[in-house]
Amino acid sequence: MTVDEESAGQRLDNFLLRQLKGVPKTHVYRIIRSGEVRVNKGRANAETRVQSGDAVRLPPLRLSERAADKAEAMAHGGGAPGREFPVLFEDEAVLAVDKPAGVAVHGGSGVSFGVIEQLRTARGYGQAGGAKFLELVHRLDRETSGILLLAKKRSALKALQDQFRERETGKTYLALVSGRWPQSKKVLDKPLHKYLLEDGERRVRVVAKDDPEGMRAVTLVKVRQASDTHSLLEVTIKTGRTHQIRVHLASEGHAIAGDDKYGDFELNRVLQKGASPLKRMFLHAWRLQFTHPVSGERIELMSALPTDLTPYLHQVLPPAHE
């Protein structure tokens, strides 16, 4: 198979997991580790970054007819339950929706269907008179709510992804963390390194500046409201690394409330109890700024803090901005 422009820059394992929907995740990692996967005729590992035009050679893979049919159907949204999401902005080229927490942006990694598959079904993707093109411009973690941008034209997809890559977009999140965040701590410039647990699950950690495996990650932090026990932060990411906000904030000793991967697990258990329990990670994609790929107009979108987060926020901080 040949790597397309949309997949350029992805890790090899993530690229294959997206392409081989009907192949078990464990098998994908096994063929990578055994050296059976070749990129431009050379051996590659899971963390190899693929580029547009790369030739990826795979060993023969056997899919059951059911799995093969499911893989083909998922590529077109078929089989997914149709679902629309609250629309924040839409025209002939761009769609921005308000993604709820708990919904993955795409299928894979144990998730049958995500936002993209459900939207394609709802809009008749691939059917006569239905949507002709619909692709994700960027990603949000499954437990993160808020603004998700999609492209309705291939030209718009490329233009918007270029903006994200060149850091020409503005992405600001609201995050509630434990403890009082120091007002003087405004910039986190810490390289991040992705690694895998034994079961193949992805994790990220901060590494030294001179670590050859580290990818530069820059996060800007502004305190919106704080008490001795919690701080509500406006967090703007200048780079789009995996789990960047979660890992950067946790590395400073102020983990995001409810984060089940990098958070304070004992505290999380406490947060799930009481009059206003916190049932999920308190991270919300609140504001997005980008240049419209057709008109050239600068667009700013906002997503109000979801109602599942506000009761806990008002319990630990006096009512203020949302």
C-alpha atoms as a PDB file:
ATOM      1  CA  MET A   1       0.000   0.000   0.000  1.00  0.00           C
ATOM      2  CA  THR A   2       1.058   3.615  -0.567  1.00  0.00           C
ATOM      3  CA  VAL A   3       0.886   6.308   2.131  1.00  0.00           C
ATOM      4  CA  ASP A   4      -1.413   9.179   1.177  1.00  0.00           C
ATOM      5  CA  GLU A   5      -0.994  12.850   2.109  1.00  0.00           C
ATOM      6  CA  GLU A   6      -3.549  12.632   4.900  1.00  0.00           C
ATOM      7  CA  SER A   7      -1.511   9.930   6.655  1.00  0.00           C
ATOM      8  CA  ALA A   8       1.875  11.645   6.281  1.00  0.00           C
ATOM      9  CA  GLY A   9       3.699  12.000   9.590  1.00  0.00           C
ATOM     10  CA  GLN A  10       1.811   9.228  11.379  1.00  0.00           C
ATOM     11  CA  ARG A  11       3.576   6.473  13.258  1.00  0.00           C
ATOM     12  CA  LEU A  12       3.685   3.213  11.358  1.00  0.00           C
ATOM     13  CA  ASP A  13       1.618   1.360  13.966  1.00  0.00           C
ATOM     14  CA  ASN A  14      -1.118   3.999  13.947  1.00  0.00           C
ATOM     15  CA  PHE A  15      -1.129   4.067  10.141  1.00  0.00           C
ATOM     16  CA  LEU A  16      -1.562   0.297   9.936  1.00  0.00           C
ATOM     17  CA  LEU A  17      -4.203   0.172  12.664  1.00  0.00           C
ATOM     18  CA  ARG A  18      -6.268   2.660  10.679  1.00  0.00           C
ATOM     19  CA  GLN A  19      -5.760   0.867   7.374  1.00  0.00           C
ATOM     20  CA  LEU A  20      -6.234  -2.692   8.631  1.00  0.00           C
ATOM     21  CA  LYS A  21      -9.550  -2.338  10.439  1.00  0.00           C
ATOM     22  CA  GLY A  22     -10.320  -6.072  10.315  1.00  0.00           C
ATOM     23  CA  VAL A  23      -6.937  -7.227  11.619  1.00  0.00           C
ATOM     24  CA  PRO A  24      -6.508  -7.740  15.393  1.00  0.00           C
ATOM     25  CA  LYS A  25      -4.336  -5.109  17.032  1.00  0.00           C
ATOM     26  CA  THR A  26      -2.053  -7.754  18.533  1.00  0.00           C
ATOM     27  CA  HIS A  27      -1.384  -9.196  15.070  1.00  0.00           C
ATOM     28  CA  VAL A  28      -0.483  -5.776  13.665  1.00  0.00           C
ATOM     29  CA  TYR A  29       2.144  -5.290  16.376  1.00  0.00           C
ATOM     30  CA  ARG A  30       3.411  -8.840  15.902  1.00  0.00           C
ATOM     31  CA  ILE A  31       4.151  -8.392  12.176  1.00  0.00           C
ATOM     32  CA  ILE A  32       5.866  -5.061  12.887  1.00  0.00           C
ATOM     33  CA  ARG A  33       8.084  -6.560  15.625  1.00  0.00           C
ATOM     34  CA  SER A  34       8.976  -9.551  13.458  1.00  0.00           C
ATOM     35  CA  GLY A  35      10.243  -7.291  10.671  1.00  0.00           C
ATOM     36  CA  GLU A  36       7.631  -8.468   8.177  1.00  0.00           C
ATOM     37  CA  VAL A  37       6.483  -4.911   7.520  1.00  0.00           C
ATOM     38  CA  ARG A  38       8.737  -2.996   5.128  1.00  0.00           C
ATOM     39  CA  VAL A  39       8.720   0.710   4.346  1.00  0.00           C
ATOM     40  CA  ASN A  40      10.394   1.541   1.025  1.00  0.00           C
ATOM     41  CA  LYS A  41      11.916  -1.982   1.152  1.00  0.00           C
ATOM     42  CA  GLY A  42      13.586  -1.330   4.513  1.00  0.00           C
ATOM     43  CA  ARG A  43      12.717  -2.665   7.966  1.00  0.00           C
ATOM     44  CA  ALA A  44      10.754  -0.336  10.207  1.00  0.00           C
ATOM     45  CA  ASN A  45       9.524  -0.254  13.791  1.00  0.00           C
ATOM     46  CA  ALA A  46       6.248   0.856  15.333  1.00  0.00           C
ATOM     47  CA  GLU A  47       7.490   4.423  15.865  1.00  0.00           C
ATOM     48  CA  THR A  48       8.729   4.957  12.300  1.00  0.00           C
ATOM     49  CA  ARG A  49       7.054   8.028  10.795  1.00  0.00           C
ATOM     50  CA  VAL A  50       5.555   7.356   7.380  1.00  0.00           C
ATOM     51  CA  GLN A  51       5.591  10.016   4.681  1.00  0.00           C
ATOM     52  CA  SER A  52       3.384  10.696   1.684  1.00  0.00           C
ATOM     53  CA  GLY A  53       4.316   8.341  -1.150  1.00  0.00           C
ATOM     54  CA  ASP A  54       6.049   5.749   1.048  1.00  0.00           C
ATOM     55  CA  ALA A  55       5.540   2.155  -0.099  1.00  0.00           C
ATOM     56  CA  VAL A  56       4.468  -0.071   2.796  1.00  0.00           C
ATOM     57  CA  ARG A  57       4.764  -3.803   2.141  1.00  0.00           C
ATOM     58  CA  LEU A  58       2.867  -6.271   4.321  1.00  0.00           C
ATOM     59  CA  PRO A  59       2.963 -10.047   4.675  1.00  0.00           C
ATOM     60  CA  PRO A  60      -0.140 -11.951   3.477  1.00  0.00           C
ATOM     61  CA  LEU A  61      -2.976 -11.228   5.874  1.00  0.00           C
ATOM     62  CA  ARG A  62      -6.025 -13.413   6.238  1.00  0.00           C
ATOM     63  CA  LEU A  63      -9.292 -11.762   7.113  1.00  0.00           C
ATOM     64  CA  SER A  64     -12.476 -13.649   7.690  1.00  0.00           C
ATOM     65  CA  GLU A  65     -15.180 -12.672   5.209  1.00  0.00           C
ATOM     66  CA  ARG A  66     -17.101 -11.052   8.045  1.00  0.00           C
ATOM     67  CA  ALA A  67     -14.077  -9.008   9.155  1.00  0.00           C
ATOM     68  CA  ALA A  68     -13.263  -8.026   5.580  1.00  0.00           C
ATOM     69  CA  ASP A  69     -16.848  -6.930   4.979  1.00  0.00           C
ATOM     70  CA  LYS A  70     -16.795  -4.945   8.216  1.00  0.00           C
ATOM     71  CA  ALA A  71     -13.513  -3.255   7.272  1.00  0.00           C
ATOM     72  CA  GLU A  72     -14.932  -2.216   3.900  1.00  0.00           C
ATOM     73  CA  ALA A  73     -18.161  -1.010   5.461  1.00  0.00           C
ATOM     74  CA  MET A  74     -16.380   1.039   8.123  1.00  0.00           C
ATOM     75  CA  ALA A  75     -14.298   2.804   5.498  1.00  0.00           C
ATOM     76  CA  HIS A  76     -17.560   4.251   4.159  1.00  0.00           C
ATOM     77  CA  GLY A  77     -19.412   4.581   7.444  1.00  0.00           C
ATOM     78  CA  GLY A  78     -21.606   1.586   6.563  1.00  0.00           C
ATOM     79  CA  GLY A  79     -22.934  -0.384   9.507  1.00  0.00           C
ATOM     80  CA  ALA A  80     -22.497   2.557  11.873  1.00  0.00           C
ATOM     81  CA  PRO A  81     -25.625   3.949  13.512  1.00  0.00           C
ATOM     82  CA  GLY A  82     -26.425   7.322  11.969  1.00  0.00           C
ATOM     83  CA  ARG A  83     -26.025  10.198  14.375  1.00  0.00           C
ATOM     84  CA  GLU A  84     -25.790  13.946  14.037  1.00  0.00           C
ATOM     85  CA  PHE A  85     -23.878  16.033  16.575  1.00  0.00           C
ATOM     86  CA  PRO A  86     -24.527  19.666  17.573  1.00  0.00           C
ATOM     87  CA  VAL A  87     -23.240  21.859  14.731  1.00  0.00           C
ATOM     88  CA  LEU A  88     -21.133  24.892  15.659  1.00  0.00           C
ATOM     89  CA  PHE A  89     -20.332  25.916  12.081  1.00  0.00           C
ATOM     90  CA  GLU A  90     -21.077  24.535   8.634  1.00  0.00           C
ATOM     91  CA  ASP A  91     -20.801  25.577   5.013  1.00  0.00           C
ATOM     92  CA  GLU A  92     -19.908  23.862   1.746  1.00  0.00           C
ATOM     93  CA  ALA A  93     -16.298  23.192   2.809  1.00  0.00           C
ATOM     94  CA  VAL A  94     -16.147  22.918   6.606  1.00  0.00           C
ATOM     95  CA  LEU A  95     -18.126  21.283   9.401  1.00  0.00           C
ATOM     96  CA  ALA A  96     -17.461  21.874  13.102  1.00  0.00           C
ATOM     97  CA  VAL A  97     -19.371  19.835  15.671  1.00  0.00           C
ATOM     98  CA  ASP A  98     -19.551  19.796  19.454  1.00  0.00           C
ATOM     99  CA  LYS A  99     -18.281  16.317  20.366  1.00  0.00           C
ATOM    100  CA  PRO A 100     -19.573  14.826  23.619  1.00  0.00           C
ATOM    101  CA  ALA A 101     -17.221  13.042  25.990  1.00  0.00           C
ATOM    102  CA  GLY A 102     -17.137   9.260  25.727  1.00  0.00           C
ATOM    103  CA  VAL A 103     -17.389   9.170  21.936  1.00  0.00           C
ATOM    104  CA  ALA A 104     -14.286   8.329  19.899  1.00  0.00           C
ATOM    105  CA  VAL A 105     -13.623  10.437  16.813  1.00  0.00           C
ATOM    106  CA  HIS A 106     -13.160   7.311  14.665  1.00  0.00           C
ATOM    107  CA  GLY A 107     -13.512   3.542  14.931  1.00  0.00           C
ATOM    108  CA  GLY A 108     -10.600   1.296  15.864  1.00  0.00           C
ATOM    109  CA  SER A 109      -8.676   0.216  18.959  1.00  0.00           C
ATOM    110  CA  GLY A 110     -11.688  -1.600  20.385  1.00  0.00           C
ATOM    111  CA  VAL A 111     -14.202   1.069  19.339  1.00  0.00           C
ATOM    112  CA  SER A 112     -16.618  -0.028  16.622  1.00  0.00           C
ATOM    113  CA  PHE A 113     -17.780   3.389  15.453  1.00  0.00           C
ATOM    114  CA  GLY A 114     -16.800   6.973  16.069  1.00  0.00           C
ATOM    115  CA  VAL A 115     -18.017  10.451  15.172  1.00  0.00           C
ATOM    116  CA  ILE A 116     -16.844  10.227  11.566  1.00  0.00           C
ATOM    117  CA  GLU A 117     -18.549   6.895  10.829  1.00  0.00           C
ATOM    118  CA  GLN A 118     -21.805   7.969  12.483  1.00  0.00           C
ATOM    119  CA  LEU A 119     -21.868  11.282  10.614  1.00  0.00           C
ATOM    120  CA  ARG A 120     -21.187   9.543   7.301  1.00  0.00           C
ATOM    121  CA  THR A 121     -24.136   7.238   7.869  1.00  0.00           C
ATOM    122  CA  ALA A 122     -26.420  10.068   8.974  1.00  0.00           C
ATOM    123  CA  ARG A 123     -25.530  12.098   5.891  1.00  0.00           C
ATOM    124  CA  GLY A 124     -25.799   9.246   3.396  1.00  0.00           C
ATOM    125  CA  TYR A 125     -22.085   9.169   2.609  1.00  0.00           C
ATOM    126  CA  GLY A 126     -21.415   7.222  -0.601  1.00  0.00           C
ATOM    127  CA  GLN A 127     -25.112   7.090  -1.503  1.00  0.00           C
ATOM    128  CA  ALA A 128     -26.873   8.910  -4.307  1.00  0.00           C
ATOM    129  CA  GLY A 129     -27.572  12.437  -3.173  1.00  0.00           C
ATOM    130  CA  GLY A 130     -25.597  11.963   0.033  1.00  0.00           C
ATOM    131  CA  ALA A 131     -22.359  13.501   1.284  1.00  0.00           C
ATOM    132  CA  LYS A 132     -19.522  13.024  -1.196  1.00  0.00           C
ATOM    133  CA  PHE A 133     -16.598  13.730   1.131  1.00  0.00           C
ATOM    134  CA  LEU A 134     -16.257  13.932   4.904  1.00  0.00           C
ATOM    135  CA  GLU A 135     -12.964  13.579   6.772  1.00  0.00           C
ATOM    136  CA  LEU A 136     -11.573  14.468  10.186  1.00  0.00           C
ATOM    137  CA  VAL A 137      -9.182  17.422  10.169  1.00  0.00           C
ATOM    138  CA  HIS A 138      -7.760  16.627  13.630  1.00  0.00           C
ATOM    139  CA  ARG A 139      -8.398  14.374  16.629  1.00  0.00           C
ATOM    140  CA  LEU A 140      -9.726  14.643  20.163  1.00  0.00           C
ATOM    141  CA  ASP A 141      -9.241  12.011  22.857  1.00  0.00           C
ATOM    142  CA  ARG A 142     -12.344   9.924  23.457  1.00  0.00           C
ATOM    143  CA  GLU A 143     -12.959  11.424  26.920  1.00  0.00           C
ATOM    144  CA  THR A 144     -12.373  15.006  25.747  1.00  0.00           C
ATOM    145  CA  SER A 145     -15.451  17.010  24.810  1.00  0.00           C
ATOM    146  CA  GLY A 146     -15.677  20.047  22.577  1.00  0.00           C
ATOM    147  CA  ILE A 147     -14.943  21.408  19.121  1.00  0.00           C
ATOM    148  CA  LEU A 148     -14.112  18.886  16.408  1.00  0.00           C
ATOM    149  CA  LEU A 149     -13.368  20.100  12.876  1.00  0.00           C
ATOM    150  CA  LEU A 150     -14.153  18.135   9.704  1.00  0.00           C
ATOM    151  CA  ALA A 151     -13.649  18.870   6.022  1.00  0.00           C
ATOM    152  CA  LYS A 152     -16.307  18.409   3.348  1.00  0.00           C
ATOM    153  CA  LYS A 153     -13.870  18.843   0.450  1.00  0.00           C
ATOM    154  CA  ARG A 154     -10.444  17.296  -0.114  1.00  0.00           C
ATOM    155  CA  SER A 155      -8.945  20.723  -0.875  1.00  0.00           C
ATOM    156  CA  ALA A 156     -10.305  22.035   2.426  1.00  0.00           C
ATOM    157  CA  LEU A 157      -8.884  19.038   4.281  1.00  0.00           C
ATOM    158  CA  LYS A 158      -5.384  19.662   2.951  1.00  0.00           C
ATOM    159  CA  ALA A 159      -5.531  23.410   3.630  1.00  0.00           C
ATOM    160  CA  LEU A 160      -6.772  22.946   7.195  1.00  0.00           C
ATOM    161  CA  GLN A 161      -4.288  20.182   8.004  1.00  0.00           C
ATOM    162  CA  ASP A 162      -1.516  22.436   6.705  1.00  0.00           C
ATOM    163  CA  GLN A 163      -2.689  25.112   9.158  1.00  0.00           C
ATOM    164  CA  PHE A 164      -2.612  22.654  12.049  1.00  0.00           C
ATOM    165  CA  ARG A 165       0.832  21.410  11.038  1.00  0.00           C
ATOM    166  CA  GLU A 166       2.242  24.941  10.654  1.00  0.00           C
ATOM    167  CA  ARG A 167       0.708  25.997  13.996  1.00  0.00           C
ATOM    168  CA  GLU A 168      -1.499  28.616  12.351  1.00  0.00           C
ATOM    169  CA  THR A 169      -4.577  27.541  14.293  1.00  0.00           C
ATOM    170  CA  GLY A 170      -5.470  28.504  17.836  1.00  0.00           C
ATOM    171  CA  LYS A 171      -6.641  25.616  20.049  1.00  0.00           C
ATOM    172  CA  THR A 172      -7.584  26.419  23.635  1.00  0.00           C
ATOM    173  CA  TYR A 173      -8.972  23.944  26.168  1.00  0.00           C
ATOM    174  CA  LEU A 174     -10.505  24.294  29.606  1.00  0.00           C
ATOM    175  CA  ALA A 175      -8.919  21.947  32.137  1.00  0.00           C
ATOM    176  CA  LEU A 176      -9.595  21.576  35.846  1.00  0.00           C
ATOM    177  CA  VAL A 177      -6.520  20.420  37.744  1.00  0.00           C
ATOM    178  CA  SER A 178      -5.798  19.540  41.333  1.00  0.00           C
ATOM    179  CA  GLY A 179      -4.050  22.129  43.497  1.00  0.00           C
ATOM    180  CA  ARG A 180      -3.311  25.820  42.946  1.00  0.00           C
ATOM    181  CA  TRP A 181      -1.497  26.372  39.658  1.00  0.00           C
ATOM    182  CA  PRO A 182       1.276  28.996  40.043  1.00  0.00           C
ATOM    183  CA  GLN A 183       0.398  32.186  38.142  1.00  0.00           C
ATOM    184  CA  SER A 184       4.021  32.495  37.030  1.00  0.00           C
ATOM    185  CA  LYS A 185       4.001  29.136  35.250  1.00  0.00           C
ATOM    186  CA  LYS A 186       2.733  30.209  31.824  1.00  0.00           C
ATOM    187  CA  VAL A 187       4.776  28.211  29.316  1.00  0.00           C
ATOM    188  CA  LEU A 188       5.538  24.483  29.353  1.00  0.00           C
ATOM    189  CA  ASP A 189       8.194  23.578  26.797  1.00  0.00           C
ATOM    190  CA  LYS A 190       8.872  19.904  27.445  1.00  0.00           C
ATOM    191  CA  PRO A 191       9.638  17.213  24.849  1.00  0.00           C
ATOM    192  CA  LEU A 192       7.348  14.197  24.815  1.00  0.00           C
ATOM    193  CA  HIS A 193       8.020  10.584  23.901  1.00  0.00           C
ATOM    194  CA  LYS A 194       5.358   8.015  22.948  1.00  0.00           C
ATOM    195  CA  TYR A 195       5.793   4.428  24.058  1.00  0.00           C
ATOM    196  CA  LEU A 196       3.683   1.292  24.313  1.00  0.00           C
ATOM    197  CA  LEU A 197       2.590  -0.774  27.260  1.00  0.00           C
ATOM    198  CA  GLU A 198       2.849  -4.551  26.994  1.00  0.00           C
ATOM    199  CA  ASP A 199      -0.747  -4.768  25.761  1.00  0.00           C
ATOM    200  CA  GLY A 200      -0.005  -2.308  22.971  1.00  0.00           C
ATOM    201  CA  GLU A 201      -1.767   0.641  24.631  1.00  0.00           C
ATOM    202  CA  ARG A 202      -0.150   3.964  23.894  1.00  0.00           C
ATOM    203  CA  ARG A 203       1.339   6.186  26.612  1.00  0.00           C
ATOM    204  CA  VAL A 204       3.351   9.413  26.630  1.00  0.00           C
ATOM    205  CA  ARG A 205       5.986  10.763  28.993  1.00  0.00           C
ATOM    206  CA  VAL A 206       8.134  13.888  29.354  1.00  0.00           C
ATOM    207  CA  VAL A 207      11.777  13.355  28.401  1.00  0.00           C
ATOM    208  CA  ALA A 208      14.964  15.424  28.598  1.00  0.00           C
ATOM    209  CA  LYS A 209      15.561  18.222  26.082  1.00  0.00           C
ATOM    210  CA  ASP A 210      18.429  16.306  24.479  1.00  0.00           C
ATOM    211  CA  ASP A 211      16.553  12.999  24.205  1.00  0.00           C
ATOM    212  CA  PRO A 212      16.697  11.929  20.525  1.00  0.00           C
ATOM    213  CA  GLU A 213      13.270  10.275  20.871  1.00  0.00           C
ATOM    214  CA  GLY A 214      11.647  13.430  22.223  1.00  0.00           C
ATOM    215  CA  MET A 215       9.240  15.514  20.142  1.00  0.00           C
ATOM    216  CA  ARG A 216       9.071  19.194  21.079  1.00  0.00           C
ATOM    217  CA  ALA A 217       5.791  20.117  22.765  1.00  0.00           C
ATOM    218  CA  VAL A 218       4.758  23.622  23.839  1.00  0.00           C
ATOM    219  CA  THR A 219       1.747  24.386  26.023  1.00  0.00           C
ATOM    220  CA  LEU A 220       0.577  27.825  27.223  1.00  0.00           C
ATOM    221  CA  VAL A 221      -1.305  28.012  30.514  1.00  0.00           C
ATOM    222  CA  LYS A 222      -3.493  30.800  31.893  1.00  0.00           C
ATOM    223  CA  VAL A 223      -5.213  30.569  35.277  1.00  0.00           C
ATOM    224  CA  ARG A 224      -8.910  31.331  34.858  1.00  0.00           C
ATOM    225  CA  GLN A 225      -9.931  30.648  38.458  1.00  0.00           C
ATOM    226  CA  ALA A 226      -8.266  28.963  41.420  1.00  0.00           C
ATOM    227  CA  SER A 227      -8.615  27.881  45.025  1.00  0.00           C
ATOM    228  CA  ASP A 228      -6.260  25.993  47.330  1.00  0.00           C
ATOM    229  CA  THR A 229      -7.623  22.686  46.027  1.00  0.00           C
ATOM    230  CA  HIS A 230      -8.364  23.250  42.330  1.00  0.00           C
ATOM    231  CA  SER A 231      -7.462  25.457  39.377  1.00  0.00           C
ATOM    232  CA  LEU A 232      -9.479  26.029  36.204  1.00  0.00           C
ATOM    233  CA  LEU A 233      -7.022  26.631  33.387  1.00  0.00           C
ATOM    234  CA  GLU A 234      -7.187  27.945  29.844  1.00  0.00           C
ATOM    235  CA  VAL A 235      -4.664  25.762  28.030  1.00  0.00           C
ATOM    236  CA  THR A 236      -3.478  26.614  24.518  1.00  0.00           C
ATOM    237  CA  ILE A 237      -1.395  24.069  22.649  1.00  0.00           C
ATOM    238  CA  LYS A 238       1.173  25.297  20.144  1.00  0.00           C
ATOM    239  CA  THR A 239       2.005  21.735  19.099  1.00  0.00           C
ATOM    240  CA  GLY A 240      -0.416  18.853  18.669  1.00  0.00           C
ATOM    241  CA  ARG A 241       1.290  15.937  20.392  1.00  0.00           C
ATOM    242  CA  THR A 242      -0.615  12.919  21.649  1.00  0.00           C
ATOM    243  CA  HIS A 243      -1.947  13.469  25.216  1.00  0.00           C
ATOM    244  CA  GLN A 244       0.109  16.689  25.334  1.00  0.00           C
ATOM    245  CA  ILE A 245      -2.057  18.651  27.766  1.00  0.00           C
ATOM    246  CA  ARG A 246      -2.625  15.696  30.065  1.00  0.00           C
ATOM    247  CA  VAL A 247       1.061  14.806  30.338  1.00  0.00           C
ATOM    248  CA  HIS A 248       2.365  18.375  30.569  1.00  0.00           C
ATOM    249  CA  LEU A 249      -0.016  19.345  33.378  1.00  0.00           C
ATOM    250  CA  ALA A 250       0.571  16.099  35.273  1.00  0.00           C
ATOM    251  CA  SER A 251       4.350  16.574  34.978  1.00  0.00           C
ATOM    252  CA  GLU A 252       3.970  19.790  36.990  1.00  0.00           C
ATOM    253  CA  GLY A 253       2.183  17.962  39.796  1.00  0.00           C
ATOM    254  CA  HIS A 254      -1.251  19.229  38.747  1.00  0.00           C
ATOM    255  CA  ALA A 255      -2.996  16.363  36.975  1.00  0.00           C
ATOM    256  CA  ILE A 256      -6.324  16.904  35.244  1.00  0.00           C
ATOM    257  CA  ALA A 257      -9.200  15.910  37.503  1.00  0.00           C
ATOM    258  CA  GLY A 258     -10.623  12.560  36.453  1.00  0.00           C
ATOM    259  CA  ASP A 259      -7.760  11.613  34.106  1.00  0.00           C
ATOM    260  CA  ASP A 260      -7.584   7.804  34.253  1.00  0.00           C
ATOM    261  CA  LYS A 261      -4.205   7.529  32.514  1.00  0.00           C
ATOM    262  CA  TYR A 262      -2.008  10.253  33.988  1.00  0.00           C
ATOM    263  CA  GLY A 263      -4.047  11.474  36.935  1.00  0.00           C
ATOM    264  CA  ASP A 264      -4.176  10.943  40.676  1.00  0.00           C
ATOM    265  CA  PHE A 265      -6.058   7.640  40.903  1.00  0.00           C
ATOM    266  CA  GLU A 266      -6.860   7.925  44.612  1.00  0.00           C
ATOM    267  CA  LEU A 267      -8.219  11.433  44.112  1.00  0.00           C
ATOM    268  CA  ASN A 268     -10.229  10.306  41.089  1.00  0.00           C
ATOM    269  CA  ARG A 269     -12.029   7.739  43.224  1.00  0.00           C
ATOM    270  CA  VAL A 270     -12.972  10.481  45.688  1.00  0.00           C
ATOM    271  CA  LEU A 271     -14.171  12.745  42.864  1.00  0.00           C
ATOM    272  CA  GLN A 272     -16.619  10.095  41.679  1.00  0.00           C
ATOM    273  CA  LYS A 273     -18.500  10.281  44.959  1.00  0.00           C
ATOM    274  CA  GLY A 274     -20.391  13.035  46.728  1.00  0.00           C
ATOM    275  CA  ALA A 275     -23.249  15.359  45.855  1.00  0.00           C
ATOM    276  CA  SER A 276     -21.764  16.468  42.516  1.00  0.00           C
ATOM    277  CA  PRO A 277     -19.531  13.607  41.342  1.00  0.00           C
ATOM    278  CA  LEU A 278     -17.060  13.956  38.485  1.00  0.00           C
ATOM    279  CA  LYS A 279     -17.600  10.982  36.197  1.00  0.00           C
ATOM    280  CA  ARG A 280     -14.952  11.707  33.549  1.00  0.00           C
ATOM    281  CA  MET A 281     -11.824  13.700  32.736  1.00  0.00           C
ATOM    282  CA  PHE A 282     -12.305  17.467  33.052  1.00  0.00           C
ATOM    283  CA  LEU A 283     -10.870  18.501  29.679  1.00  0.00           C
ATOM    284  CA  HIS A 284     -12.901  20.432  27.115  1.00  0.00           C
ATOM    285  CA  ALA A 285     -11.929  21.781  23.671  1.00  0.00           C
ATOM    286  CA  TRP A 286     -13.347  25.235  24.296  1.00  0.00           C
ATOM    287  CA  ARG A 287     -12.120  27.561  21.547  1.00  0.00           C
ATOM    288  CA  LEU A 288     -10.772  27.027  18.012  1.00  0.00           C
ATOM    289  CA  GLN A 289      -9.425  29.651  15.626  1.00  0.00           C
ATOM    290  CA  PHE A 290      -8.537  28.947  12.001  1.00  0.00           C
ATOM    291  CA  THR A 291      -8.496  30.559   8.569  1.00  0.00           C
ATOM    292  CA  HIS A 292     -11.346  29.434   6.345  1.00  0.00           C
ATOM    293  CA  PRO A 293      -9.832  27.382   3.491  1.00  0.00           C
ATOM    294  CA  VAL A 294     -12.064  29.010   0.836  1.00  0.00           C
ATOM    295  CA  SER A 295     -12.925  32.539   1.957  1.00  0.00           C
ATOM    296  CA  GLY A 296      -9.693  33.263   3.846  1.00  0.00           C
ATOM    297  CA  GLU A 297     -11.762  34.652   6.727  1.00  0.00           C
ATOM    298  CA  ARG A 298     -10.454  34.121  10.248  1.00  0.00           C
ATOM    299  CA  ILE A 299     -12.998  31.997  12.109  1.00  0.00           C
ATOM    300  CA  GLU A 300     -13.320  31.682  15.883  1.00  0.00           C
ATOM    301  CA  LEU A 301     -15.562  28.974  17.324  1.00  0.00           C
ATOM    302  CA  MET A 302     -16.558  28.487  20.960  1.00  0.00           C
ATOM    303  CA  SER A 303     -18.084  25.530  22.799  1.00  0.00           C
ATOM    304  CA  ALA A 304     -19.729  26.089  26.173  1.00  0.00           C
ATOM    305  CA  LEU A 305     -18.595  23.939  29.064  1.00  0.00           C
ATOM    306  CA  PRO A 306     -20.833  20.829  29.093  1.00  0.00           C
ATOM    307  CA  THR A 307     -23.456  20.421  31.790  1.00  0.00           C
ATOM    308  CA  ASP A 308     -21.862  17.199  33.040  1.00  0.00           C
ATOM    309  CA  LEU A 309     -18.838  19.228  34.180  1.00  0.00           C
ATOM    310  CA  THR A 310     -20.436  22.359  35.643  1.00  0.00           C
ATOM    311  CA  PRO A 311     -21.887  20.844  38.873  1.00  0.00           C
ATOM    312  CA  TYR A 312     -18.499  19.598  40.027  1.00  0.00           C
ATOM    313  CA  LEU A 313     -16.816  22.860  38.974  1.00  0.00           C
ATOM    314  CA  HIS A 314     -19.288  24.906  41.028  1.00  0.00           C
ATOM    315  CA  GLN A 315     -18.765  22.556  43.962  1.00  0.00           C
ATOM    316  CA  VAL A 316     -15.002  23.136  44.124  1.00  0.00           C
ATOM    317  CA  LEU A 317     -14.801  26.707  42.768  1.00  0.00           C
ATOM    318  CA  PRO A 318     -17.232  29.619  43.162  1.00  0.00           C
ATOM    319  CA  PRO A 319     -19.422  30.104  40.063  1.00  0.00           C
ATOM    320  CA  ALA A 320     -17.552  32.197  37.510  1.00  0.00           C
ATOM    321  CA  HIS A 321     -16.718  32.083  33.821  1.00  0.00           C
ATOM    322  CA  GLU A 322     -17.627  29.107  31.744  1.00  0.00           C
END
